[in-house]
N, C-alpha and C. Protein backbone atom coordinates (compact mmCIF):
# COMPACT_ATOMS: atom_id res chain seq x y z
N UNK A 1 -28.80 -11.58 12.95
CA UNK A 1 -28.43 -11.60 14.36
C UNK A 1 -26.94 -11.87 14.51
N UNK A 2 -26.39 -11.39 15.58
CA UNK A 2 -24.98 -11.63 15.90
C UNK A 2 -24.94 -12.75 16.92
N UNK A 3 -24.17 -13.76 16.61
CA UNK A 3 -24.03 -14.91 17.49
C UNK A 3 -22.79 -14.72 18.35
N UNK A 4 -23.00 -14.48 19.65
CA UNK A 4 -21.88 -14.37 20.60
C UNK A 4 -21.67 -15.77 21.16
N UNK A 5 -20.48 -16.31 20.90
CA UNK A 5 -20.22 -17.70 21.26
C UNK A 5 -18.84 -17.83 21.89
N UNK A 6 -18.78 -18.55 23.00
CA UNK A 6 -17.52 -18.86 23.66
C UNK A 6 -17.42 -20.38 23.74
N UNK A 7 -16.23 -20.90 23.41
CA UNK A 7 -16.06 -22.36 23.34
C UNK A 7 -14.79 -22.78 24.05
N UNK A 8 -14.86 -23.97 24.67
CA UNK A 8 -13.69 -24.53 25.32
C UNK A 8 -13.72 -26.04 25.32
N UNK A 9 -12.58 -26.61 25.65
CA UNK A 9 -12.48 -28.07 25.80
C UNK A 9 -13.30 -28.51 26.99
N UNK A 10 -13.87 -29.70 26.89
CA UNK A 10 -14.71 -30.21 27.98
C UNK A 10 -14.25 -31.61 28.37
N UNK A 11 -14.80 -32.08 29.49
CA UNK A 11 -14.52 -33.43 29.97
C UNK A 11 -15.73 -33.88 30.79
N UNK A 12 -15.63 -35.05 31.37
CA UNK A 12 -16.77 -35.60 32.11
C UNK A 12 -17.16 -34.73 33.31
N UNK A 13 -16.19 -34.08 33.96
CA UNK A 13 -16.52 -33.21 35.09
C UNK A 13 -17.34 -32.00 34.65
N UNK A 14 -16.95 -31.40 33.54
CA UNK A 14 -17.71 -30.27 33.00
C UNK A 14 -19.12 -30.73 32.63
N UNK A 15 -19.21 -31.88 31.99
CA UNK A 15 -20.51 -32.43 31.58
C UNK A 15 -21.40 -32.66 32.80
N UNK A 16 -20.86 -33.23 33.87
CA UNK A 16 -21.64 -33.48 35.08
C UNK A 16 -22.15 -32.18 35.71
N UNK A 17 -21.32 -31.14 35.71
CA UNK A 17 -21.76 -29.85 36.26
C UNK A 17 -22.91 -29.28 35.44
N UNK A 18 -22.79 -29.35 34.13
CA UNK A 18 -23.85 -28.84 33.25
C UNK A 18 -25.14 -29.60 33.53
N UNK A 19 -25.05 -30.93 33.54
CA UNK A 19 -26.24 -31.76 33.73
C UNK A 19 -26.89 -31.54 35.09
N UNK A 20 -26.11 -31.19 36.10
CA UNK A 20 -26.68 -30.98 37.43
C UNK A 20 -27.32 -29.60 37.59
N UNK A 21 -26.94 -28.65 36.73
CA UNK A 21 -27.43 -27.27 36.88
C UNK A 21 -28.51 -26.87 35.89
N UNK A 22 -28.48 -27.43 34.69
CA UNK A 22 -29.34 -26.91 33.62
C UNK A 22 -30.15 -28.02 32.96
N UNK A 23 -31.37 -27.70 32.54
CA UNK A 23 -32.20 -28.72 31.89
C UNK A 23 -31.75 -29.00 30.45
N UNK A 24 -31.73 -30.28 30.12
CA UNK A 24 -31.46 -30.71 28.75
C UNK A 24 -32.72 -30.44 27.93
N UNK A 25 -32.59 -29.69 26.85
CA UNK A 25 -33.77 -29.39 26.04
C UNK A 25 -33.76 -30.11 24.70
N UNK A 26 -32.58 -30.63 24.31
CA UNK A 26 -32.52 -31.30 23.01
C UNK A 26 -31.24 -32.12 22.90
N UNK A 27 -31.36 -33.23 22.20
CA UNK A 27 -30.20 -34.06 21.90
C UNK A 27 -30.28 -34.41 20.42
N UNK A 28 -29.16 -34.26 19.71
CA UNK A 28 -29.21 -34.48 18.27
C UNK A 28 -27.84 -34.84 17.73
N UNK A 29 -27.85 -35.29 16.48
CA UNK A 29 -26.63 -35.53 15.73
C UNK A 29 -26.62 -34.53 14.58
N UNK A 30 -25.49 -33.84 14.41
CA UNK A 30 -25.37 -32.87 13.32
C UNK A 30 -24.24 -33.29 12.39
N UNK A 31 -24.52 -33.21 11.10
CA UNK A 31 -23.50 -33.45 10.08
C UNK A 31 -23.44 -32.18 9.23
N UNK A 32 -22.28 -31.51 9.27
CA UNK A 32 -22.08 -30.25 8.57
C UNK A 32 -21.13 -30.45 7.40
N UNK A 33 -21.55 -30.04 6.22
CA UNK A 33 -20.67 -30.06 5.04
C UNK A 33 -20.32 -28.62 4.73
N UNK A 34 -19.01 -28.31 4.74
CA UNK A 34 -18.52 -26.97 4.48
C UNK A 34 -18.07 -26.86 3.03
N UNK A 35 -18.27 -25.66 2.46
CA UNK A 35 -17.97 -25.44 1.05
C UNK A 35 -16.97 -24.30 0.88
N UNK A 36 -16.14 -24.43 -0.16
CA UNK A 36 -15.25 -23.34 -0.55
C UNK A 36 -15.97 -22.51 -1.61
N UNK A 37 -15.65 -21.23 -1.66
CA UNK A 37 -16.23 -20.29 -2.62
C UNK A 37 -15.42 -20.37 -3.92
N UNK A 38 -16.07 -20.27 -5.08
CA UNK A 38 -15.33 -20.37 -6.33
C UNK A 38 -14.42 -19.17 -6.63
N UNK A 39 -14.66 -18.02 -5.98
CA UNK A 39 -13.91 -16.81 -6.34
C UNK A 39 -13.08 -16.22 -5.21
N UNK A 40 -13.23 -16.71 -3.99
CA UNK A 40 -12.42 -16.19 -2.90
C UNK A 40 -12.20 -17.27 -1.85
N UNK A 41 -11.13 -17.09 -1.09
CA UNK A 41 -10.75 -18.06 -0.07
C UNK A 41 -11.45 -17.71 1.25
N UNK A 42 -12.49 -18.46 1.58
CA UNK A 42 -13.26 -18.19 2.80
C UNK A 42 -12.42 -18.37 4.05
N UNK A 43 -11.43 -19.24 4.00
CA UNK A 43 -10.55 -19.41 5.17
C UNK A 43 -9.76 -18.11 5.42
N UNK A 44 -9.29 -17.47 4.35
CA UNK A 44 -8.54 -16.22 4.51
C UNK A 44 -9.43 -15.08 4.98
N UNK A 45 -10.68 -15.06 4.56
CA UNK A 45 -11.60 -13.99 4.97
C UNK A 45 -12.33 -14.33 6.26
N UNK A 46 -12.03 -15.50 6.82
CA UNK A 46 -12.61 -15.96 8.09
C UNK A 46 -14.13 -16.09 8.01
N UNK A 47 -14.61 -16.63 6.88
CA UNK A 47 -16.03 -16.85 6.67
C UNK A 47 -16.26 -18.35 6.49
N UNK A 48 -17.51 -18.76 6.53
CA UNK A 48 -17.84 -20.16 6.30
C UNK A 48 -19.22 -20.27 5.66
N UNK A 49 -19.35 -21.29 4.82
CA UNK A 49 -20.64 -21.63 4.20
C UNK A 49 -20.85 -23.11 4.46
N UNK A 50 -22.01 -23.44 5.07
CA UNK A 50 -22.22 -24.81 5.48
C UNK A 50 -23.65 -25.26 5.22
N UNK A 51 -23.77 -26.55 4.90
CA UNK A 51 -25.07 -27.22 4.83
C UNK A 51 -25.10 -28.19 6.00
N UNK A 52 -26.16 -28.11 6.80
CA UNK A 52 -26.27 -28.95 8.00
C UNK A 52 -27.46 -29.88 7.91
N UNK A 53 -27.22 -31.13 8.34
CA UNK A 53 -28.29 -32.11 8.54
C UNK A 53 -28.36 -32.38 10.04
N UNK A 54 -29.53 -32.16 10.63
CA UNK A 54 -29.73 -32.45 12.05
C UNK A 54 -30.70 -33.61 12.17
N UNK A 55 -30.34 -34.57 13.01
CA UNK A 55 -31.22 -35.69 13.30
C UNK A 55 -31.50 -35.70 14.80
N UNK A 56 -32.79 -35.60 15.16
CA UNK A 56 -33.17 -35.63 16.57
C UNK A 56 -34.40 -36.51 16.72
N UNK A 57 -34.80 -36.75 17.94
CA UNK A 57 -35.94 -37.63 18.20
C UNK A 57 -37.22 -37.14 17.52
N UNK A 58 -37.36 -35.84 17.42
CA UNK A 58 -38.57 -35.27 16.85
C UNK A 58 -38.55 -35.18 15.33
N UNK A 59 -37.46 -35.58 14.71
CA UNK A 59 -37.38 -35.54 13.25
C UNK A 59 -36.07 -34.96 12.76
N UNK A 60 -36.08 -34.57 11.51
CA UNK A 60 -34.87 -34.04 10.89
C UNK A 60 -35.07 -32.59 10.48
N UNK A 61 -33.97 -31.85 10.46
CA UNK A 61 -33.97 -30.46 10.02
C UNK A 61 -32.73 -30.26 9.17
N UNK A 62 -32.85 -29.47 8.11
CA UNK A 62 -31.73 -29.19 7.24
C UNK A 62 -31.63 -27.69 7.02
N UNK A 63 -30.40 -27.19 6.96
CA UNK A 63 -30.22 -25.75 6.83
C UNK A 63 -28.97 -25.41 6.02
N UNK A 64 -28.97 -24.18 5.54
CA UNK A 64 -27.83 -23.58 4.87
C UNK A 64 -27.44 -22.37 5.70
N UNK A 65 -26.16 -22.23 6.02
CA UNK A 65 -25.74 -21.11 6.86
C UNK A 65 -24.49 -20.45 6.31
N UNK A 66 -24.48 -19.12 6.42
CA UNK A 66 -23.30 -18.31 6.17
C UNK A 66 -22.84 -17.76 7.51
N UNK A 67 -21.53 -17.86 7.76
CA UNK A 67 -20.97 -17.29 8.99
C UNK A 67 -19.92 -16.27 8.56
N UNK A 68 -20.10 -15.03 9.03
CA UNK A 68 -19.17 -13.97 8.70
C UNK A 68 -17.90 -14.05 9.52
N UNK A 69 -16.97 -13.13 9.25
CA UNK A 69 -15.72 -13.11 10.01
C UNK A 69 -15.96 -12.84 11.49
N UNK A 70 -15.09 -13.38 12.33
CA UNK A 70 -15.18 -13.11 13.76
C UNK A 70 -14.95 -11.62 14.00
N UNK A 71 -15.74 -11.05 14.93
CA UNK A 71 -15.67 -9.61 15.16
C UNK A 71 -15.19 -9.26 16.57
N UNK A 72 -14.79 -10.26 17.34
CA UNK A 72 -14.36 -10.03 18.72
C UNK A 72 -13.08 -10.83 18.96
N UNK A 73 -12.06 -10.22 19.58
CA UNK A 73 -10.78 -10.92 19.76
C UNK A 73 -10.78 -12.03 20.81
N UNK A 74 -11.81 -12.13 21.64
CA UNK A 74 -11.82 -13.12 22.72
C UNK A 74 -12.86 -14.22 22.54
N UNK A 75 -13.65 -14.15 21.47
CA UNK A 75 -14.72 -15.13 21.31
C UNK A 75 -14.91 -15.45 19.83
N UNK A 76 -15.88 -16.31 19.56
CA UNK A 76 -16.22 -16.68 18.18
C UNK A 76 -17.40 -15.86 17.66
N UNK A 77 -17.55 -14.66 18.15
CA UNK A 77 -18.69 -13.81 17.79
C UNK A 77 -18.63 -13.43 16.32
N UNK A 78 -19.78 -13.64 15.64
CA UNK A 78 -19.84 -13.33 14.21
C UNK A 78 -21.29 -13.24 13.76
N UNK A 79 -21.47 -12.60 12.62
CA UNK A 79 -22.77 -12.57 11.98
C UNK A 79 -23.09 -13.97 11.47
N UNK A 80 -24.31 -14.42 11.68
CA UNK A 80 -24.73 -15.70 11.14
C UNK A 80 -26.08 -15.53 10.46
N UNK A 81 -26.17 -16.02 9.23
CA UNK A 81 -27.43 -16.04 8.50
C UNK A 81 -27.72 -17.49 8.19
N UNK A 82 -28.85 -17.99 8.69
CA UNK A 82 -29.20 -19.39 8.50
C UNK A 82 -30.59 -19.50 7.90
N UNK A 83 -30.70 -20.35 6.89
CA UNK A 83 -31.97 -20.61 6.23
C UNK A 83 -32.31 -22.08 6.34
N UNK A 84 -33.53 -22.38 6.70
CA UNK A 84 -33.97 -23.77 6.69
C UNK A 84 -34.22 -24.16 5.23
N UNK A 85 -33.77 -25.36 4.85
CA UNK A 85 -33.99 -25.86 3.49
C UNK A 85 -34.73 -27.18 3.57
N UNK A 86 -35.42 -27.53 2.49
CA UNK A 86 -36.17 -28.78 2.45
C UNK A 86 -35.31 -29.99 2.16
N UNK A 87 -34.19 -29.77 1.47
CA UNK A 87 -33.34 -30.89 1.07
C UNK A 87 -31.87 -30.47 1.12
N UNK A 88 -31.13 -31.08 2.03
CA UNK A 88 -29.70 -30.79 2.11
C UNK A 88 -28.98 -31.25 0.85
N UNK A 89 -29.36 -32.40 0.33
CA UNK A 89 -28.67 -32.91 -0.86
C UNK A 89 -28.91 -32.03 -2.08
N UNK A 90 -30.14 -31.52 -2.24
CA UNK A 90 -30.42 -30.62 -3.36
C UNK A 90 -29.68 -29.29 -3.18
N UNK A 91 -29.59 -28.82 -1.94
CA UNK A 91 -28.87 -27.58 -1.66
C UNK A 91 -27.39 -27.77 -1.98
N UNK A 92 -26.81 -28.90 -1.58
CA UNK A 92 -25.42 -29.18 -1.90
C UNK A 92 -25.21 -29.26 -3.40
N UNK A 93 -26.12 -29.91 -4.11
CA UNK A 93 -26.00 -30.01 -5.57
C UNK A 93 -26.07 -28.63 -6.22
N UNK A 94 -26.96 -27.76 -5.74
CA UNK A 94 -27.06 -26.40 -6.28
C UNK A 94 -25.74 -25.66 -6.07
N UNK A 95 -25.19 -25.74 -4.86
CA UNK A 95 -23.92 -25.07 -4.59
C UNK A 95 -22.81 -25.59 -5.51
N UNK A 96 -22.76 -26.90 -5.73
CA UNK A 96 -21.75 -27.47 -6.64
C UNK A 96 -21.93 -26.96 -8.06
N UNK A 97 -23.18 -26.86 -8.53
CA UNK A 97 -23.45 -26.34 -9.87
C UNK A 97 -23.00 -24.88 -10.01
N UNK A 98 -23.03 -24.15 -8.90
CA UNK A 98 -22.60 -22.75 -8.91
C UNK A 98 -21.09 -22.59 -8.72
N UNK A 99 -20.36 -23.69 -8.59
CA UNK A 99 -18.91 -23.64 -8.49
C UNK A 99 -18.35 -23.79 -7.09
N UNK A 100 -19.22 -23.95 -6.09
CA UNK A 100 -18.74 -24.20 -4.73
C UNK A 100 -18.30 -25.65 -4.63
N UNK A 101 -17.28 -25.89 -3.80
CA UNK A 101 -16.77 -27.26 -3.65
C UNK A 101 -16.82 -27.66 -2.17
N UNK A 102 -17.28 -28.90 -1.90
CA UNK A 102 -17.24 -29.38 -0.51
C UNK A 102 -15.79 -29.57 -0.08
N UNK A 103 -15.45 -29.07 1.11
CA UNK A 103 -14.05 -29.16 1.56
C UNK A 103 -13.88 -29.99 2.82
N UNK A 104 -14.94 -30.12 3.62
CA UNK A 104 -14.81 -30.89 4.85
C UNK A 104 -16.19 -31.20 5.42
N UNK A 105 -16.24 -32.27 6.19
CA UNK A 105 -17.46 -32.65 6.89
C UNK A 105 -17.15 -32.75 8.38
N UNK A 106 -18.00 -32.13 9.18
CA UNK A 106 -17.86 -32.17 10.64
C UNK A 106 -19.08 -32.90 11.19
N UNK A 107 -18.82 -33.97 11.97
CA UNK A 107 -19.91 -34.75 12.57
C UNK A 107 -19.82 -34.63 14.08
N UNK A 108 -20.99 -34.37 14.69
CA UNK A 108 -20.98 -34.26 16.15
C UNK A 108 -22.30 -34.70 16.75
N UNK A 109 -22.18 -35.16 17.98
CA UNK A 109 -23.36 -35.42 18.82
C UNK A 109 -23.47 -34.23 19.74
N UNK A 110 -24.63 -33.60 19.77
CA UNK A 110 -24.82 -32.35 20.51
C UNK A 110 -25.96 -32.48 21.50
N UNK A 111 -25.68 -32.03 22.74
CA UNK A 111 -26.71 -31.90 23.77
C UNK A 111 -26.88 -30.41 24.04
N UNK A 112 -28.14 -29.96 24.05
CA UNK A 112 -28.43 -28.53 24.22
C UNK A 112 -29.10 -28.33 25.58
N UNK A 113 -28.56 -27.39 26.35
CA UNK A 113 -29.08 -27.07 27.68
C UNK A 113 -29.49 -25.60 27.73
N UNK A 114 -30.57 -25.32 28.46
CA UNK A 114 -31.04 -23.94 28.60
C UNK A 114 -30.56 -23.39 29.94
N UNK A 115 -29.84 -22.26 29.88
CA UNK A 115 -29.37 -21.57 31.09
C UNK A 115 -30.43 -20.58 31.55
N UNK A 116 -30.88 -19.75 30.61
CA UNK A 116 -31.95 -18.79 30.86
C UNK A 116 -32.64 -18.51 29.53
N UNK A 117 -33.49 -17.51 29.47
CA UNK A 117 -34.27 -17.30 28.25
C UNK A 117 -33.40 -16.96 27.04
N UNK A 118 -32.19 -16.43 27.27
CA UNK A 118 -31.29 -16.03 26.17
C UNK A 118 -30.14 -16.99 25.93
N UNK A 119 -29.71 -17.70 26.96
CA UNK A 119 -28.43 -18.40 26.93
C UNK A 119 -28.60 -19.91 26.78
N UNK A 120 -27.85 -20.46 25.83
CA UNK A 120 -27.81 -21.91 25.61
C UNK A 120 -26.40 -22.41 25.83
N UNK A 121 -26.31 -23.65 26.31
CA UNK A 121 -25.03 -24.35 26.40
C UNK A 121 -25.14 -25.57 25.49
N UNK A 122 -24.09 -25.79 24.69
CA UNK A 122 -24.01 -26.96 23.82
C UNK A 122 -22.85 -27.83 24.30
N UNK A 123 -23.14 -29.09 24.56
CA UNK A 123 -22.09 -30.05 24.90
C UNK A 123 -21.91 -30.93 23.67
N UNK A 124 -20.74 -30.83 23.05
CA UNK A 124 -20.49 -31.51 21.77
C UNK A 124 -19.44 -32.59 21.89
N UNK A 125 -19.74 -33.73 21.27
CA UNK A 125 -18.74 -34.78 21.06
C UNK A 125 -18.47 -34.79 19.57
N UNK A 126 -17.31 -34.25 19.18
CA UNK A 126 -16.99 -34.04 17.78
C UNK A 126 -16.07 -35.15 17.28
N UNK A 127 -16.52 -35.80 16.21
CA UNK A 127 -15.74 -36.90 15.63
C UNK A 127 -14.36 -36.40 15.23
N UNK A 128 -13.32 -37.05 15.76
CA UNK A 128 -11.95 -36.70 15.42
C UNK A 128 -11.35 -35.59 16.27
N UNK A 129 -12.15 -34.95 17.14
CA UNK A 129 -11.65 -33.83 17.95
C UNK A 129 -11.84 -34.01 19.44
N UNK A 130 -12.91 -34.69 19.84
CA UNK A 130 -13.18 -34.86 21.26
C UNK A 130 -14.36 -34.04 21.74
N UNK A 131 -14.32 -33.69 23.04
CA UNK A 131 -15.46 -33.05 23.69
C UNK A 131 -15.22 -31.55 23.87
N UNK A 132 -16.28 -30.79 23.60
CA UNK A 132 -16.24 -29.33 23.73
C UNK A 132 -17.54 -28.86 24.37
N UNK A 133 -17.48 -27.66 24.93
CA UNK A 133 -18.69 -27.01 25.42
C UNK A 133 -18.70 -25.59 24.85
N UNK A 134 -19.88 -25.18 24.39
CA UNK A 134 -20.07 -23.82 23.87
C UNK A 134 -21.21 -23.16 24.63
N UNK A 135 -21.06 -21.87 24.89
CA UNK A 135 -22.15 -21.08 25.45
C UNK A 135 -22.46 -20.01 24.41
N UNK A 136 -23.76 -19.78 24.18
CA UNK A 136 -24.15 -18.90 23.09
C UNK A 136 -25.34 -18.03 23.46
N UNK A 137 -25.27 -16.78 23.00
CA UNK A 137 -26.38 -15.84 23.09
C UNK A 137 -26.41 -15.08 21.77
N UNK A 138 -27.60 -14.86 21.25
CA UNK A 138 -27.76 -14.04 20.04
C UNK A 138 -28.15 -12.64 20.46
N UNK A 139 -27.43 -11.65 19.90
CA UNK A 139 -27.69 -10.25 20.22
C UNK A 139 -28.01 -9.48 18.95
N UNK A 140 -28.65 -8.33 19.12
CA UNK A 140 -29.07 -7.53 17.97
C UNK A 140 -28.05 -6.47 17.58
N UNK A 141 -27.22 -6.02 18.53
CA UNK A 141 -26.30 -4.93 18.21
C UNK A 141 -24.88 -5.22 18.70
N UNK A 142 -23.88 -4.66 18.02
CA UNK A 142 -22.48 -4.86 18.43
C UNK A 142 -22.18 -4.34 19.83
N UNK A 143 -22.93 -3.36 20.29
CA UNK A 143 -22.69 -2.80 21.63
C UNK A 143 -22.91 -3.84 22.72
N UNK A 144 -23.71 -4.85 22.44
CA UNK A 144 -24.01 -5.88 23.43
C UNK A 144 -22.92 -6.95 23.54
N UNK A 145 -22.01 -6.97 22.59
CA UNK A 145 -21.03 -8.06 22.51
C UNK A 145 -20.12 -8.16 23.74
N UNK A 146 -19.40 -7.09 24.16
CA UNK A 146 -18.44 -7.26 25.26
C UNK A 146 -19.03 -7.81 26.55
N UNK A 147 -20.13 -7.24 27.01
CA UNK A 147 -20.72 -7.71 28.27
C UNK A 147 -21.25 -9.13 28.14
N UNK A 148 -21.86 -9.44 26.99
CA UNK A 148 -22.39 -10.79 26.76
C UNK A 148 -21.25 -11.80 26.72
N UNK A 149 -20.19 -11.48 26.00
CA UNK A 149 -19.02 -12.36 25.92
C UNK A 149 -18.43 -12.62 27.30
N UNK A 150 -18.27 -11.56 28.09
CA UNK A 150 -17.69 -11.71 29.43
C UNK A 150 -18.57 -12.60 30.31
N UNK A 151 -19.89 -12.44 30.20
CA UNK A 151 -20.81 -13.30 30.95
C UNK A 151 -20.66 -14.77 30.55
N UNK A 152 -20.50 -15.00 29.24
CA UNK A 152 -20.36 -16.38 28.76
C UNK A 152 -19.03 -17.00 29.21
N UNK A 153 -17.97 -16.22 29.19
CA UNK A 153 -16.67 -16.71 29.67
C UNK A 153 -16.79 -17.09 31.16
N UNK A 154 -17.40 -16.22 31.94
CA UNK A 154 -17.59 -16.51 33.37
C UNK A 154 -18.42 -17.77 33.58
N UNK A 155 -19.47 -17.92 32.78
CA UNK A 155 -20.32 -19.11 32.87
C UNK A 155 -19.50 -20.38 32.63
N UNK A 156 -18.72 -20.41 31.55
CA UNK A 156 -17.95 -21.61 31.25
C UNK A 156 -16.86 -21.86 32.30
N UNK A 157 -16.24 -20.80 32.79
CA UNK A 157 -15.25 -20.97 33.86
C UNK A 157 -15.89 -21.57 35.11
N UNK A 158 -17.13 -21.15 35.41
CA UNK A 158 -17.82 -21.69 36.60
C UNK A 158 -18.13 -23.18 36.44
N UNK A 159 -18.14 -23.65 35.20
CA UNK A 159 -18.38 -25.08 34.93
C UNK A 159 -17.08 -25.88 34.87
N UNK A 160 -15.95 -25.20 35.04
CA UNK A 160 -14.66 -25.89 35.05
C UNK A 160 -13.89 -25.84 33.75
N UNK A 161 -14.34 -25.05 32.80
CA UNK A 161 -13.62 -24.94 31.52
C UNK A 161 -12.37 -24.09 31.73
N UNK A 162 -11.22 -24.62 31.28
CA UNK A 162 -9.96 -23.90 31.43
C UNK A 162 -9.31 -23.58 30.10
N UNK A 163 -9.56 -24.43 29.11
CA UNK A 163 -8.91 -24.29 27.81
C UNK A 163 -9.92 -23.77 26.79
N UNK A 164 -9.83 -22.46 26.48
CA UNK A 164 -10.76 -21.83 25.54
C UNK A 164 -10.14 -21.76 24.14
N UNK A 165 -11.00 -21.72 23.12
CA UNK A 165 -10.54 -21.57 21.74
C UNK A 165 -11.52 -20.71 20.95
N UNK A 166 -10.98 -19.94 20.02
CA UNK A 166 -11.81 -19.18 19.07
C UNK A 166 -11.96 -19.94 17.76
N UNK A 167 -11.27 -21.05 17.62
CA UNK A 167 -11.31 -21.80 16.36
C UNK A 167 -12.60 -22.58 16.22
N UNK A 168 -13.11 -22.63 15.01
CA UNK A 168 -14.30 -23.44 14.72
C UNK A 168 -13.89 -24.91 14.64
N UNK A 169 -14.86 -25.80 14.65
CA UNK A 169 -14.55 -27.21 14.49
C UNK A 169 -13.88 -27.46 13.14
N UNK A 170 -14.31 -26.77 12.12
CA UNK A 170 -13.68 -26.89 10.80
C UNK A 170 -12.21 -26.51 10.88
N UNK A 171 -11.91 -25.37 11.52
CA UNK A 171 -10.52 -24.94 11.65
C UNK A 171 -9.70 -25.94 12.46
N UNK A 172 -10.28 -26.47 13.53
CA UNK A 172 -9.57 -27.44 14.36
C UNK A 172 -9.29 -28.72 13.58
N UNK A 173 -10.25 -29.18 12.79
CA UNK A 173 -10.04 -30.39 11.99
C UNK A 173 -8.99 -30.18 10.90
N UNK A 174 -8.91 -28.98 10.36
CA UNK A 174 -7.95 -28.71 9.28
C UNK A 174 -6.53 -28.54 9.78
N UNK A 175 -6.35 -28.37 11.10
CA UNK A 175 -4.99 -28.22 11.67
C UNK A 175 -4.27 -29.54 11.73
């Protein structure tokens, strides 16, 4: 699936608008460990490999994800392949044995809101970076990207977001 994502800086006013308009469906803490590839520079190719630990009231979830290069000049739209794993630590150990190296950890508190059947809003408090809001829709074909992206930009603007970024949390932390 292609993840169409628009992200911007947030504040308490943006948070209040989200909370007044959309139902909270999940609250969790995510810890993401990003890895470098042994044979190519993922930062140069605009790709990412991450192991995620999610902690929520209903339990824990762990996953391994590959994120491809961004394919849209105005958003963070990219191919994402995510697999649920039974053990984040074993997955990290396997990656290390294969020559991958951990390069950074991103920790965030995330609140997930449902806009409609396709659209989610994430309100993130990212350790070391501050508050952000992301709007996301998964689409099946590249033809859907422009209209979906424009809808997401309009949605975030309607919530008071003024400062948009295409950079990932990893990229922002590395700056």
